[in-house]
Every structure is written in C-alpha cells, then in structure tokens.
Amino acid sequence: MTTPSPSQGSSYLAENQQLLSPVLLGSRGPLGYTNDFPPADSLGDSLHINDSEEVQFSVSTAFHQDAHSGHGESDLLLCSTDGILFYVHRSAVREASEDALSHMLSYSVTGNSTSMIPIPEPAAILNIILHTIYNLSCAQFNHSSEDLIEAVDKMPSFGIAPKALITPDSPLHTLLLSLAPLRPMDIFALAGKHDLADLAKPCSAHLLGYPLGTLPDEISERIGPVYLKRLFILHMTRMDELKKILQRTPGLHPWTPECGFDGQRQLSTAWSMVATFLILDLDPSKHIFLLVLNYLQSVQCLPADQFIFSISIAHPSSAFS
C-alpha cells in the first residue's frame, strides 16, 4: 500500500474503507486491540456513514478513551491504515513537539479537527511513535527491529525530531540499545542518520570487528559523513593504541628466588617476539589481555602478571566520540 499525502484526503479513505469495516470484528493482534465504539459524532463526520449503519472498530488497548487520564480526556482520534483507533491528547503531542500536532491534523479528511483523522501509517509504526511521544515503553508489544527503525525514520514526517525524544533516559533509547548486539550496523546507521550520539557511542563497541571495507554504499550514505568518519577513526586509533601497548615490555624488578634477572630478561625477549607476531595479525576487535594470555600462559612472575593486567584494563573498548 502506498503512503498517501494529506492532500489525497477522502480518496485515500474511500479506497481503503475496507480496513475500517466490520471484517475487523473479533480480531486481536500482537498490539492488543479491543473492539469498542469511538464517539458517534466523531465517526459520523469522518466516514460519512448513515445513522442506520452500525460499524465497529478495533481500538488500541494502550490508547483507548480512558488511557493516560493524567492528560485529561482524549481530544484527538487517530486511525492507522489497518483500521486501528488511537485516542490521544493534543497537550501530550504538543508537549513532545510543537509541530507534531499540526502535522497530524493536516491529514484530516473533512478539515474538522474533532473528527477521526486517518494517519497514513500502519498501527505498529503509529503505536511506537505515540509511545515515544508519551515517553512510554512499547517493549511489551515485541515490535520487530524493522518496525522500530522505521518508526524512528518516520518521526520527522510528523514534525518530530528523534534527537529531542530519544535521549539516554528514554524507553525507546533503551529498547534500541538492546538491539545493538544483534544488529549493530543497523542501529549505528539509525543513530548516524538522526544524530543520536548517545546511542551511537555504545553501539560502536559492537562494530570493532566489522570489516569497513565491505560497507555497502547505501549504508554509508545513511550513516552520513560525520558518523562514518568517527567510525573509521575509531578503528584506526584503536589499532594504534594496541600497537603502542604491545610494544611496551615488563620492567625489571628486584631479584627474587622465583624470578631472577636472567628470567626477567628472557621474559622481555619473549614479550618482544610475541608482540611482533601479534602486531602482524592485529585487528580492532581483538582484546590485548586475551591476545597476550594465549602466548604467555606459563608466566610465573607476579610483577609481570600485574603488568599484563594493567595494560589490559588500559586497552580502550570503544574510542568513539
């Protein structure tokens, strides 16, 4: 189904009126919808139905007439392309974004802002956007990662700046961050597109092993030059830091029965040889402690162990900034 513009108005509603028909009776999808009547005056104006006709609609359980009563009575009725009704509050929408309310009202079929307004998005996308406007978590609906990403991409078309609402303490930020281990490049690209630095930084830690030379052009364009440059710098500076750390050798310490001067010199020589091999086969995803541990498992020198531990914790896990 193509996305209509506000100017298409009644023609869009007429072509898709089957989405608002009784065929939806009894349906109960993953978003948890009920089958309640909207206000009669609202629906009569929007659909131009006769008084004798009886039509029922599916209503979102998260945005029904009595939901979010702290904002007062709902005064804005939205309908998704798949026929789901959402009762929302103009004050909540206006508080999230000054432009969001006017963008939603622009889809009105009749020009009457008290009528039901058909929004050219499916219920899943509209549900995510409205939860973000209300600063609520939509995790309980188990939306797909594709829907979450698409919802963020659609926010500007509703006059909503994702950067203003997706902050580190917001539920949607937490939900998107939970997807980073599974889809790091998709989430990083989303963060780059909308300048979500607080989301991009922790996500970049999951991209240390990503072969940037194979990055598709469309993903590069989506990330944008600023965040793409930062990702390349992260890989390059991490490699440089790894090399500097490996080139350091354990210092000498006072003679002990367990580790004399000859043993210390042998350890330094072994360390230099190991570092040479490691530098030749280095990539940003490798951790210094695990690398060294594989080569020096038999080290019995306590100061040397302490040295290895000190450089391992100094090793940066993410330098994205």
C-alpha atoms as a PDB file:
ATOM      1  CA  MET A   1       0.000   0.000   0.000  1.00  0.00           C
ATOM      2  CA  THR A   2       1.393   3.391  -0.966  1.00  0.00           C
ATOM      3  CA  THR A   3       1.649   6.162   1.590  1.00  0.00           C
ATOM      4  CA  PRO A   4      -0.893   8.910   0.882  1.00  0.00           C
ATOM      5  CA  SER A   5      -0.301  12.592   1.349  1.00  0.00           C
ATOM      6  CA  PRO A   6      -2.647  14.821   3.332  1.00  0.00           C
ATOM      7  CA  SER A   7      -3.996  16.294   0.096  1.00  0.00           C
ATOM      8  CA  GLN A   8      -5.338  12.893  -1.000  1.00  0.00           C
ATOM      9  CA  GLY A   9      -7.828  13.099   1.861  1.00  0.00           C
ATOM     10  CA  SER A  10     -11.170  11.463   1.201  1.00  0.00           C
ATOM     11  CA  SER A  11      -9.984   9.481  -1.831  1.00  0.00           C
ATOM     12  CA  TYR A  12      -7.479   7.647   0.363  1.00  0.00           C
ATOM     13  CA  LEU A  13     -10.163   6.844   2.936  1.00  0.00           C
ATOM     14  CA  ALA A  14     -12.618   5.688   0.276  1.00  0.00           C
ATOM     15  CA  GLU A  15     -10.108   3.367  -1.371  1.00  0.00           C
ATOM     16  CA  ASN A  16      -9.153   1.780   1.951  1.00  0.00           C
ATOM     17  CA  GLN A  17     -12.506   1.789   3.720  1.00  0.00           C
ATOM     18  CA  GLN A  18     -12.369  -1.994   3.931  1.00  0.00           C
ATOM     19  CA  LEU A  19      -9.727  -1.501   6.631  1.00  0.00           C
ATOM     20  CA  LEU A  20     -12.379   0.175   8.754  1.00  0.00           C
ATOM     21  CA  SER A  21     -15.150  -2.326   8.104  1.00  0.00           C
ATOM     22  CA  PRO A  22     -16.751  -4.986  10.342  1.00  0.00           C
ATOM     23  CA  VAL A  23     -14.291  -7.550   8.935  1.00  0.00           C
ATOM     24  CA  LEU A  24     -12.059  -6.489  11.829  1.00  0.00           C
ATOM     25  CA  LEU A  25     -14.587  -7.628  14.428  1.00  0.00           C
ATOM     26  CA  GLY A  26     -13.135 -10.083  16.889  1.00  0.00           C
ATOM     27  CA  SER A  27      -9.569  -9.548  15.716  1.00  0.00           C
ATOM     28  CA  ARG A  28      -6.886  -9.390  18.361  1.00  0.00           C
ATOM     29  CA  GLY A  29      -3.358  -8.950  17.104  1.00  0.00           C
ATOM     30  CA  PRO A  30       0.005  -8.594  18.804  1.00  0.00           C
ATOM     31  CA  LEU A  31      -0.655  -4.944  19.647  1.00  0.00           C
ATOM     32  CA  GLY A  32      -3.605  -5.981  21.807  1.00  0.00           C
ATOM     33  CA  TYR A  33      -6.630  -4.266  20.296  1.00  0.00           C
ATOM     34  CA  THR A  34     -10.206  -4.233  21.572  1.00  0.00           C
ATOM     35  CA  ASN A  35     -13.441  -3.692  19.679  1.00  0.00           C
ATOM     36  CA  ASP A  36     -15.040  -0.601  21.223  1.00  0.00           C
ATOM     37  CA  PHE A  37     -17.093   2.127  19.591  1.00  0.00           C
ATOM     38  CA  PRO A  38     -15.496   5.522  19.118  1.00  0.00           C
ATOM     39  CA  PRO A  39     -17.697   8.558  19.797  1.00  0.00           C
ATOM     40  CA  ALA A  40     -20.606   8.586  17.353  1.00  0.00           C
ATOM     41  CA  ASP A  41     -20.228  12.241  16.375  1.00  0.00           C
ATOM     42  CA  SER A  42     -16.552  11.769  15.548  1.00  0.00           C
ATOM     43  CA  LEU A  43     -17.053   8.740  13.316  1.00  0.00           C
ATOM     44  CA  GLY A  44     -20.106  10.132  11.611  1.00  0.00           C
ATOM     45  CA  ASP A  45     -18.163  13.159  10.371  1.00  0.00           C
ATOM     46  CA  SER A  46     -15.102  11.198   9.305  1.00  0.00           C
ATOM     47  CA  LEU A  47     -16.678   8.308   7.402  1.00  0.00           C
ATOM     48  CA  HIS A  48     -19.940   9.904   6.296  1.00  0.00           C
ATOM     49  CA  ILE A  49     -21.835   6.800   7.404  1.00  0.00           C
ATOM     50  CA  ASN A  50     -25.591   6.786   7.778  1.00  0.00           C
ATOM     51  CA  ASP A  51     -27.171   6.849  11.197  1.00  0.00           C
ATOM     52  CA  SER A  52     -28.720   3.451  10.476  1.00  0.00           C
ATOM     53  CA  GLU A  53     -25.400   1.792   9.789  1.00  0.00           C
ATOM     54  CA  GLU A  54     -23.507   0.155  12.623  1.00  0.00           C
ATOM     55  CA  VAL A  55     -19.746  -0.075  12.263  1.00  0.00           C
ATOM     56  CA  GLN A  56     -17.293  -1.214  14.892  1.00  0.00           C
ATOM     57  CA  PHE A  57     -13.589  -0.504  15.067  1.00  0.00           C
ATOM     58  CA  SER A  58     -10.583  -2.054  16.764  1.00  0.00           C
ATOM     59  CA  VAL A  59      -9.182   0.220  19.457  1.00  0.00           C
ATOM     60  CA  SER A  60      -5.649   0.163  20.793  1.00  0.00           C
ATOM     61  CA  THR A  61      -5.523  -1.077  24.372  1.00  0.00           C
ATOM     62  CA  ALA A  62      -2.637   1.324  25.049  1.00  0.00           C
ATOM     63  CA  PHE A  63      -4.520   4.346  23.690  1.00  0.00           C
ATOM     64  CA  HIS A  64      -8.197   3.831  24.407  1.00  0.00           C
ATOM     65  CA  GLN A  65     -10.600   6.539  25.609  1.00  0.00           C
ATOM     66  CA  ASP A  66      -9.750   6.157  29.295  1.00  0.00           C
ATOM     67  CA  ALA A  67      -5.986   5.710  28.912  1.00  0.00           C
ATOM     68  CA  HIS A  68      -3.488   8.278  30.218  1.00  0.00           C
ATOM     69  CA  SER A  69      -6.143  10.132  32.200  1.00  0.00           C
ATOM     70  CA  GLY A  70      -3.453  12.340  33.697  1.00  0.00           C
ATOM     71  CA  HIS A  71      -3.671  14.381  30.497  1.00  0.00           C
ATOM     72  CA  GLY A  72      -7.431  14.767  30.864  1.00  0.00           C
ATOM     73  CA  GLU A  73      -9.975  13.448  28.370  1.00  0.00           C
ATOM     74  CA  SER A  74      -8.666  12.382  24.979  1.00  0.00           C
ATOM     75  CA  ASP A  75      -9.377  15.026  22.350  1.00  0.00           C
ATOM     76  CA  LEU A  76      -7.705  13.611  19.251  1.00  0.00           C
ATOM     77  CA  LEU A  77      -8.747  10.427  17.444  1.00  0.00           C
ATOM     78  CA  LEU A  78      -6.257   8.857  15.017  1.00  0.00           C
ATOM     79  CA  CYS A  79      -6.791   5.861  12.752  1.00  0.00           C
ATOM     80  CA  SER A  80      -3.996   3.774  11.224  1.00  0.00           C
ATOM     81  CA  THR A  81      -4.071   2.378   7.706  1.00  0.00           C
ATOM     82  CA  ASP A  82      -5.031  -1.038   9.078  1.00  0.00           C
ATOM     83  CA  GLY A  83      -8.053   0.346  10.887  1.00  0.00           C
ATOM     84  CA  ILE A  84      -6.853   0.693  14.475  1.00  0.00           C
ATOM     85  CA  LEU A  85      -8.043   3.679  16.516  1.00  0.00           C
ATOM     86  CA  PHE A  86      -5.806   5.609  18.896  1.00  0.00           C
ATOM     87  CA  TYR A  87      -7.240   8.099  21.387  1.00  0.00           C
ATOM     88  CA  VAL A  88      -4.578  10.666  22.223  1.00  0.00           C
ATOM     89  CA  HIS A  89      -4.242  14.075  23.849  1.00  0.00           C
ATOM     90  CA  ARG A  90      -3.334  17.215  21.992  1.00  0.00           C
ATOM     91  CA  SER A  91      -1.473  18.512  25.034  1.00  0.00           C
ATOM     92  CA  ALA A  92       0.803  15.443  25.094  1.00  0.00           C
ATOM     93  CA  VAL A  93       1.517  15.712  21.371  1.00  0.00           C
ATOM     94  CA  ARG A  94       2.166  19.453  21.630  1.00  0.00           C
ATOM     95  CA  GLU A  95       4.462  18.937  24.606  1.00  0.00           C
ATOM     96  CA  ALA A  96       6.591  16.453  22.648  1.00  0.00           C
ATOM     97  CA  SER A  97       6.815  18.665  19.584  1.00  0.00           C
ATOM     98  CA  GLU A  98       5.307  21.993  18.614  1.00  0.00           C
ATOM     99  CA  ASP A  99       4.991  20.845  15.002  1.00  0.00           C
ATOM    100  CA  ALA A 100       3.693  17.312  15.602  1.00  0.00           C
ATOM    101  CA  LEU A 101       0.082  18.321  16.249  1.00  0.00           C
ATOM    102  CA  SER A 102      -0.220  20.408  13.089  1.00  0.00           C
ATOM    103  CA  HIS A 103       1.297  17.574  11.038  1.00  0.00           C
ATOM    104  CA  MET A 104      -1.261  15.103  12.385  1.00  0.00           C
ATOM    105  CA  LEU A 105      -4.170  17.498  11.848  1.00  0.00           C
ATOM    106  CA  SER A 106      -3.062  18.031   8.257  1.00  0.00           C
ATOM    107  CA  TYR A 107      -4.291  14.518   7.438  1.00  0.00           C
ATOM    108  CA  SER A 108      -7.871  15.388   8.401  1.00  0.00           C
ATOM    109  CA  VAL A 109     -10.321  14.325   5.684  1.00  0.00           C
ATOM    110  CA  THR A 110     -13.046  16.823   6.462  1.00  0.00           C
ATOM    111  CA  GLY A 111     -10.942  19.686   7.760  1.00  0.00           C
ATOM    112  CA  ASN A 112     -12.660  19.237  11.108  1.00  0.00           C
ATOM    113  CA  SER A 113     -10.014  18.661  13.762  1.00  0.00           C
ATOM    114  CA  THR A 114     -12.578  16.975  16.048  1.00  0.00           C
ATOM    115  CA  SER A 115     -13.215  14.212  13.504  1.00  0.00           C
ATOM    116  CA  MET A 116     -11.312  10.980  13.204  1.00  0.00           C
ATOM    117  CA  ILE A 117      -8.028  11.575  11.397  1.00  0.00           C
ATOM    118  CA  PRO A 118      -6.641   8.837   9.128  1.00  0.00           C
ATOM    119  CA  ILE A 119      -2.870   8.584   9.559  1.00  0.00           C
ATOM    120  CA  PRO A 120      -1.015   7.049   6.582  1.00  0.00           C
ATOM    121  CA  GLU A 121       0.966   4.594   8.701  1.00  0.00           C
ATOM    122  CA  PRO A 122       0.222   1.064   9.970  1.00  0.00           C
ATOM    123  CA  ALA A 123      -0.722   0.522  13.596  1.00  0.00           C
ATOM    124  CA  ALA A 124       2.718  -0.815  14.604  1.00  0.00           C
ATOM    125  CA  ILE A 125       4.503   2.341  13.427  1.00  0.00           C
ATOM    126  CA  LEU A 126       1.913   4.677  14.899  1.00  0.00           C
ATOM    127  CA  ASN A 127       1.974   2.762  18.178  1.00  0.00           C
ATOM    128  CA  ILE A 128       5.765   3.192  18.524  1.00  0.00           C
ATOM    129  CA  ILE A 129       5.605   6.899  17.675  1.00  0.00           C
ATOM    130  CA  LEU A 130       2.803   7.565  20.159  1.00  0.00           C
ATOM    131  CA  HIS A 131       4.587   5.664  22.930  1.00  0.00           C
ATOM    132  CA  THR A 132       7.650   7.807  22.250  1.00  0.00           C
ATOM    133  CA  ILE A 133       5.554  10.979  22.390  1.00  0.00           C
ATOM    134  CA  TYR A 134       4.163   9.899  25.767  1.00  0.00           C
ATOM    135  CA  ASN A 135       7.648   8.776  26.909  1.00  0.00           C
ATOM    136  CA  LEU A 136       6.377   5.242  27.497  1.00  0.00           C
ATOM    137  CA  SER A 137       7.989   1.895  26.741  1.00  0.00           C
ATOM    138  CA  CYS A 138       6.499  -0.175  23.935  1.00  0.00           C
ATOM    139  CA  ALA A 139       8.676  -3.218  24.730  1.00  0.00           C
ATOM    140  CA  GLN A 140       5.651  -5.260  25.789  1.00  0.00           C
ATOM    141  CA  PHE A 141       4.398  -5.280  22.191  1.00  0.00           C
ATOM    142  CA  ASN A 142       7.535  -7.058  20.915  1.00  0.00           C
ATOM    143  CA  HIS A 143       7.807  -4.885  17.832  1.00  0.00           C
ATOM    144  CA  SER A 144      10.293  -6.087  15.250  1.00  0.00           C
ATOM    145  CA  SER A 145      13.584  -4.248  14.876  1.00  0.00           C
ATOM    146  CA  GLU A 146      12.467  -3.230  11.384  1.00  0.00           C
ATOM    147  CA  ASP A 147       9.348  -1.547  12.800  1.00  0.00           C
ATOM    148  CA  LEU A 148      11.347   0.256  15.484  1.00  0.00           C
ATOM    149  CA  ILE A 149      13.856   1.576  12.950  1.00  0.00           C
ATOM    150  CA  GLU A 150      11.111   2.571  10.500  1.00  0.00           C
ATOM    151  CA  ALA A 151       9.173   4.370  13.237  1.00  0.00           C
ATOM    152  CA  VAL A 152      12.209   6.500  14.097  1.00  0.00           C
ATOM    153  CA  ASP A 153      12.751   7.255  10.410  1.00  0.00           C
ATOM    154  CA  LYS A 154       9.100   8.339  10.079  1.00  0.00           C
ATOM    155  CA  MET A 155       9.185  10.713  13.053  1.00  0.00           C
ATOM    156  CA  PRO A 156      10.439  13.738  11.048  1.00  0.00           C
ATOM    157  CA  SER A 157       7.427  13.382   8.718  1.00  0.00           C
ATOM    158  CA  PHE A 158       5.274  14.038  11.805  1.00  0.00           C
ATOM    159  CA  GLY A 159       7.276  17.091  12.807  1.00  0.00           C
ATOM    160  CA  ILE A 160       9.161  15.152  15.491  1.00  0.00           C
ATOM    161  CA  ALA A 161      12.943  15.370  15.846  1.00  0.00           C
ATOM    162  CA  PRO A 162      14.157  11.916  17.028  1.00  0.00           C
ATOM    163  CA  LYS A 163      17.130  13.557  18.755  1.00  0.00           C
ATOM    164  CA  ALA A 164      14.775  15.511  21.023  1.00  0.00           C
ATOM    165  CA  LEU A 165      12.855  12.453  22.256  1.00  0.00           C
ATOM    166  CA  ILE A 166      15.368   9.584  22.054  1.00  0.00           C
ATOM    167  CA  THR A 167      17.611  10.516  24.967  1.00  0.00           C
ATOM    168  CA  PRO A 168      19.639   8.167  27.214  1.00  0.00           C
ATOM    169  CA  ASP A 169      16.855   8.087  29.811  1.00  0.00           C
ATOM    170  CA  SER A 170      14.049   7.440  27.305  1.00  0.00           C
ATOM    171  CA  PRO A 171      12.432   3.987  26.927  1.00  0.00           C
ATOM    172  CA  LEU A 172      12.985   3.900  23.162  1.00  0.00           C
ATOM    173  CA  HIS A 173      16.725   4.565  23.599  1.00  0.00           C
ATOM    174  CA  THR A 174      16.925   1.588  25.966  1.00  0.00           C
ATOM    175  CA  LEU A 175      14.991  -0.601  23.539  1.00  0.00           C
ATOM    176  CA  LEU A 176      17.144   0.352  20.546  1.00  0.00           C
ATOM    177  CA  LEU A 177      20.327  -0.157  22.555  1.00  0.00           C
ATOM    178  CA  SER A 178      19.199  -3.690  23.428  1.00  0.00           C
ATOM    179  CA  LEU A 179      19.226  -4.450  19.689  1.00  0.00           C
ATOM    180  CA  ALA A 180      22.834  -3.281  19.228  1.00  0.00           C
ATOM    181  CA  PRO A 181      24.499  -6.666  19.901  1.00  0.00           C
ATOM    182  CA  LEU A 182      22.303  -8.321  17.249  1.00  0.00           C
ATOM    183  CA  ARG A 183      22.085  -5.536  14.652  1.00  0.00           C
ATOM    184  CA  PRO A 184      24.929  -3.145  15.452  1.00  0.00           C
ATOM    185  CA  MET A 185      25.339  -1.637  11.992  1.00  0.00           C
ATOM    186  CA  ASP A 186      21.603  -1.024  11.530  1.00  0.00           C
ATOM    187  CA  ILE A 187      21.331   0.705  14.909  1.00  0.00           C
ATOM    188  CA  PHE A 188      24.545   2.665  14.328  1.00  0.00           C
ATOM    189  CA  ALA A 189      23.266   3.784  10.909  1.00  0.00           C
ATOM    190  CA  LEU A 190      20.000   4.878  12.517  1.00  0.00           C
ATOM    191  CA  ALA A 191      21.950   6.852  15.122  1.00  0.00           C
ATOM    192  CA  GLY A 192      24.100   8.452  12.429  1.00  0.00           C
ATOM    193  CA  LYS A 193      21.123   9.445  10.296  1.00  0.00           C
ATOM    194  CA  HIS A 194      19.383  11.208  13.179  1.00  0.00           C
ATOM    195  CA  ASP A 195      22.484  12.405  15.103  1.00  0.00           C
ATOM    196  CA  LEU A 196      21.837  10.192  18.138  1.00  0.00           C
ATOM    197  CA  ALA A 197      25.351  10.353  19.595  1.00  0.00           C
ATOM    198  CA  ASP A 198      24.371   8.764  22.918  1.00  0.00           C
ATOM    199  CA  LEU A 199      23.111   5.726  21.014  1.00  0.00           C
ATOM    200  CA  ALA A 200      25.986   5.583  18.513  1.00  0.00           C
ATOM    201  CA  LYS A 201      28.755   5.559  21.115  1.00  0.00           C
ATOM    202  CA  PRO A 202      27.846   2.298  22.957  1.00  0.00           C
ATOM    203  CA  CYS A 203      26.768   0.743  19.672  1.00  0.00           C
ATOM    204  CA  SER A 204      30.209   1.379  18.147  1.00  0.00           C
ATOM    205  CA  ALA A 205      31.763  -1.091  20.613  1.00  0.00           C
ATOM    206  CA  HIS A 206      29.927  -3.859  18.727  1.00  0.00           C
ATOM    207  CA  LEU A 207      31.436  -2.748  15.403  1.00  0.00           C
ATOM    208  CA  LEU A 208      35.120  -3.173  16.248  1.00  0.00           C
ATOM    209  CA  GLY A 209      35.299  -6.363  14.201  1.00  0.00           C
ATOM    210  CA  TYR A 210      33.203  -5.074  11.309  1.00  0.00           C
ATOM    211  CA  PRO A 211      35.151  -5.008   8.000  1.00  0.00           C
ATOM    212  CA  LEU A 212      34.613  -1.396   6.997  1.00  0.00           C
ATOM    213  CA  GLY A 213      35.964  -2.068   3.528  1.00  0.00           C
ATOM    214  CA  THR A 214      32.829  -4.098   2.771  1.00  0.00           C
ATOM    215  CA  LEU A 215      30.386  -1.446   3.973  1.00  0.00           C
ATOM    216  CA  PRO A 216      27.639  -1.017   1.306  1.00  0.00           C
ATOM    217  CA  ASP A 217      27.234   2.417  -0.264  1.00  0.00           C
ATOM    218  CA  GLU A 218      23.624   2.746   0.855  1.00  0.00           C
ATOM    219  CA  ILE A 219      24.607   2.129   4.487  1.00  0.00           C
ATOM    220  CA  SER A 220      27.447   4.657   4.199  1.00  0.00           C
ATOM    221  CA  GLU A 221      25.031   7.264   2.871  1.00  0.00           C
ATOM    222  CA  ARG A 222      22.568   6.507   5.655  1.00  0.00           C
ATOM    223  CA  ILE A 223      25.231   6.860   8.359  1.00  0.00           C
ATOM    224  CA  GLY A 224      26.380  10.165   6.938  1.00  0.00           C
ATOM    225  CA  PRO A 225      29.901  11.627   6.678  1.00  0.00           C
ATOM    226  CA  VAL A 226      30.244  12.729  10.314  1.00  0.00           C
ATOM    227  CA  TYR A 227      29.479   9.414  11.976  1.00  0.00           C
ATOM    228  CA  LEU A 228      31.181   7.405   9.230  1.00  0.00           C
ATOM    229  CA  LYS A 229      34.388   9.371   9.810  1.00  0.00           C
ATOM    230  CA  ARG A 230      34.129   8.736  13.547  1.00  0.00           C
ATOM    231  CA  LEU A 231      33.751   5.007  12.957  1.00  0.00           C
ATOM    232  CA  PHE A 232      36.850   4.894  10.740  1.00  0.00           C
ATOM    233  CA  ILE A 233      38.817   6.936  13.279  1.00  0.00           C
ATOM    234  CA  LEU A 234      37.716   4.504  15.994  1.00  0.00           C
ATOM    235  CA  HIS A 235      39.178   1.577  14.053  1.00  0.00           C
ATOM    236  CA  MET A 236      42.414   3.371  13.203  1.00  0.00           C
ATOM    237  CA  THR A 237      43.102   4.835  16.636  1.00  0.00           C
ATOM    238  CA  ARG A 238      42.314   1.546  18.331  1.00  0.00           C
ATOM    239  CA  MET A 239      44.878  -0.203  16.140  1.00  0.00           C
ATOM    240  CA  ASP A 240      47.475   2.437  17.002  1.00  0.00           C
ATOM    241  CA  GLU A 241      46.751   2.103  20.719  1.00  0.00           C
ATOM    242  CA  LEU A 242      47.043  -1.687  20.505  1.00  0.00           C
ATOM    243  CA  LYS A 243      50.443  -1.407  18.872  1.00  0.00           C
ATOM    244  CA  LYS A 244      51.708   1.074  21.467  1.00  0.00           C
ATOM    245  CA  ILE A 245      50.554  -1.172  24.303  1.00  0.00           C
ATOM    246  CA  LEU A 246      52.135  -4.294  22.813  1.00  0.00           C
ATOM    247  CA  GLN A 247      55.449  -2.561  22.203  1.00  0.00           C
ATOM    248  CA  ARG A 248      55.853  -1.891  25.913  1.00  0.00           C
ATOM    249  CA  THR A 249      57.801  -4.553  27.838  1.00  0.00           C
ATOM    250  CA  PRO A 250      57.612  -5.539  31.503  1.00  0.00           C
ATOM    251  CA  GLY A 251      60.095  -3.522  33.537  1.00  0.00           C
ATOM    252  CA  LEU A 252      62.807  -5.047  35.730  1.00  0.00           C
ATOM    253  CA  HIS A 253      62.119  -5.615  39.400  1.00  0.00           C
ATOM    254  CA  PRO A 254      64.329  -6.591  42.375  1.00  0.00           C
ATOM    255  CA  TRP A 255      65.731 -10.139  42.350  1.00  0.00           C
ATOM    256  CA  THR A 256      63.570 -12.812  43.962  1.00  0.00           C
ATOM    257  CA  PRO A 257      64.130 -16.576  44.339  1.00  0.00           C
ATOM    258  CA  GLU A 258      61.197 -17.183  41.979  1.00  0.00           C
ATOM    259  CA  CYS A 259      62.279 -14.677  39.319  1.00  0.00           C
ATOM    260  CA  GLY A 260      65.904 -13.634  38.911  1.00  0.00           C
ATOM    261  CA  PHE A 261      67.420 -11.172  36.468  1.00  0.00           C
ATOM    262  CA  ASP A 262      68.046 -13.843  33.829  1.00  0.00           C
ATOM    263  CA  GLY A 263      64.393 -14.864  33.928  1.00  0.00           C
ATOM    264  CA  GLN A 264      63.286 -11.266  33.611  1.00  0.00           C
ATOM    265  CA  ARG A 265      65.478 -10.697  30.555  1.00  0.00           C
ATOM    266  CA  GLN A 266      64.136 -13.898  28.975  1.00  0.00           C
ATOM    267  CA  LEU A 267      60.573 -12.716  29.638  1.00  0.00           C
ATOM    268  CA  SER A 268      61.279  -9.340  27.986  1.00  0.00           C
ATOM    269  CA  THR A 269      62.717 -11.106  24.939  1.00  0.00           C
ATOM    270  CA  ALA A 270      59.708 -13.427  24.758  1.00  0.00           C
ATOM    271  CA  TRP A 271      57.366 -10.481  25.114  1.00  0.00           C
ATOM    272  CA  SER A 272      59.023  -8.626  22.215  1.00  0.00           C
ATOM    273  CA  MET A 273      58.763 -11.703  19.985  1.00  0.00           C
ATOM    274  CA  VAL A 274      55.107 -12.234  20.881  1.00  0.00           C
ATOM    275  CA  ALA A 275      54.310  -8.561  20.292  1.00  0.00           C
ATOM    276  CA  THR A 276      55.862  -8.723  16.824  1.00  0.00           C
ATOM    277  CA  PHE A 277      53.656 -11.662  15.825  1.00  0.00           C
ATOM    278  CA  LEU A 278      50.549 -10.073  17.317  1.00  0.00           C
ATOM    279  CA  ILE A 279      51.077  -6.742  15.554  1.00  0.00           C
ATOM    280  CA  LEU A 280      51.290  -8.523  12.195  1.00  0.00           C
ATOM    281  CA  ASP A 281      47.881 -10.133  12.779  1.00  0.00           C
ATOM    282  CA  LEU A 282      46.107  -7.299  14.522  1.00  0.00           C
ATOM    283  CA  ASP A 283      42.541  -6.056  14.065  1.00  0.00           C
ATOM    284  CA  PRO A 284      40.418  -3.665  16.143  1.00  0.00           C
ATOM    285  CA  SER A 285      38.183  -6.377  17.578  1.00  0.00           C
ATOM    286  CA  LYS A 286      40.935  -8.193  19.488  1.00  0.00           C
ATOM    287  CA  HIS A 287      41.468  -7.609  23.180  1.00  0.00           C
ATOM    288  CA  ILE A 288      45.026  -7.241  24.422  1.00  0.00           C
ATOM    289  CA  PHE A 289      44.563  -9.371  27.546  1.00  0.00           C
ATOM    290  CA  LEU A 290      43.288 -12.401  25.619  1.00  0.00           C
ATOM    291  CA  LEU A 291      45.991 -11.998  22.983  1.00  0.00           C
ATOM    292  CA  VAL A 292      48.828 -11.952  25.484  1.00  0.00           C
ATOM    293  CA  LEU A 293      47.314 -14.657  27.649  1.00  0.00           C
ATOM    294  CA  ASN A 294      47.405 -17.127  24.765  1.00  0.00           C
ATOM    295  CA  TYR A 295      51.159 -16.619  24.375  1.00  0.00           C
ATOM    296  CA  LEU A 296      52.313 -16.155  27.959  1.00  0.00           C
ATOM    297  CA  GLN A 297      50.217 -18.635  29.929  1.00  0.00           C
ATOM    298  CA  SER A 298      53.279 -20.050  31.689  1.00  0.00           C
ATOM    299  CA  VAL A 299      54.495 -16.734  33.171  1.00  0.00           C
ATOM    300  CA  GLN A 300      55.091 -17.234  36.914  1.00  0.00           C
ATOM    301  CA  CYS A 301      56.348 -13.724  37.658  1.00  0.00           C
ATOM    302  CA  LEU A 302      53.925 -11.718  39.804  1.00  0.00           C
ATOM    303  CA  PRO A 303      55.141  -8.262  38.643  1.00  0.00           C
ATOM    304  CA  ALA A 304      54.817  -9.449  35.039  1.00  0.00           C
ATOM    305  CA  ASP A 305      51.266 -10.656  35.716  1.00  0.00           C
ATOM    306  CA  GLN A 306      50.465  -7.281  37.229  1.00  0.00           C
ATOM    307  CA  PHE A 307      51.949  -5.564  34.188  1.00  0.00           C
ATOM    308  CA  ILE A 308      49.793  -7.620  31.820  1.00  0.00           C
ATOM    309  CA  PHE A 309      46.712  -6.827  33.875  1.00  0.00           C
ATOM    310  CA  SER A 310      47.490  -3.088  33.952  1.00  0.00           C
ATOM    311  CA  ILE A 311      47.781  -2.789  30.175  1.00  0.00           C
ATOM    312  CA  SER A 312      44.675  -4.922  29.645  1.00  0.00           C
ATOM    313  CA  ILE A 313      42.465  -2.520  31.587  1.00  0.00           C
ATOM    314  CA  ALA A 314      44.082   0.434  29.816  1.00  0.00           C
ATOM    315  CA  HIS A 315      43.059  -1.060  26.480  1.00  0.00           C
ATOM    316  CA  PRO A 316      40.153   1.006  25.083  1.00  0.00           C
ATOM    317  CA  SER A 317      36.954  -0.939  24.349  1.00  0.00           C
ATOM    318  CA  SER A 318      35.478   1.978  22.407  1.00  0.00           C
ATOM    319  CA  ALA A 319      37.049   5.286  21.419  1.00  0.00           C
ATOM    320  CA  PHE A 320      34.021   6.631  19.543  1.00  0.00           C
ATOM    321  CA  SER A 321      33.367  10.247  20.417  1.00  0.00           C
END
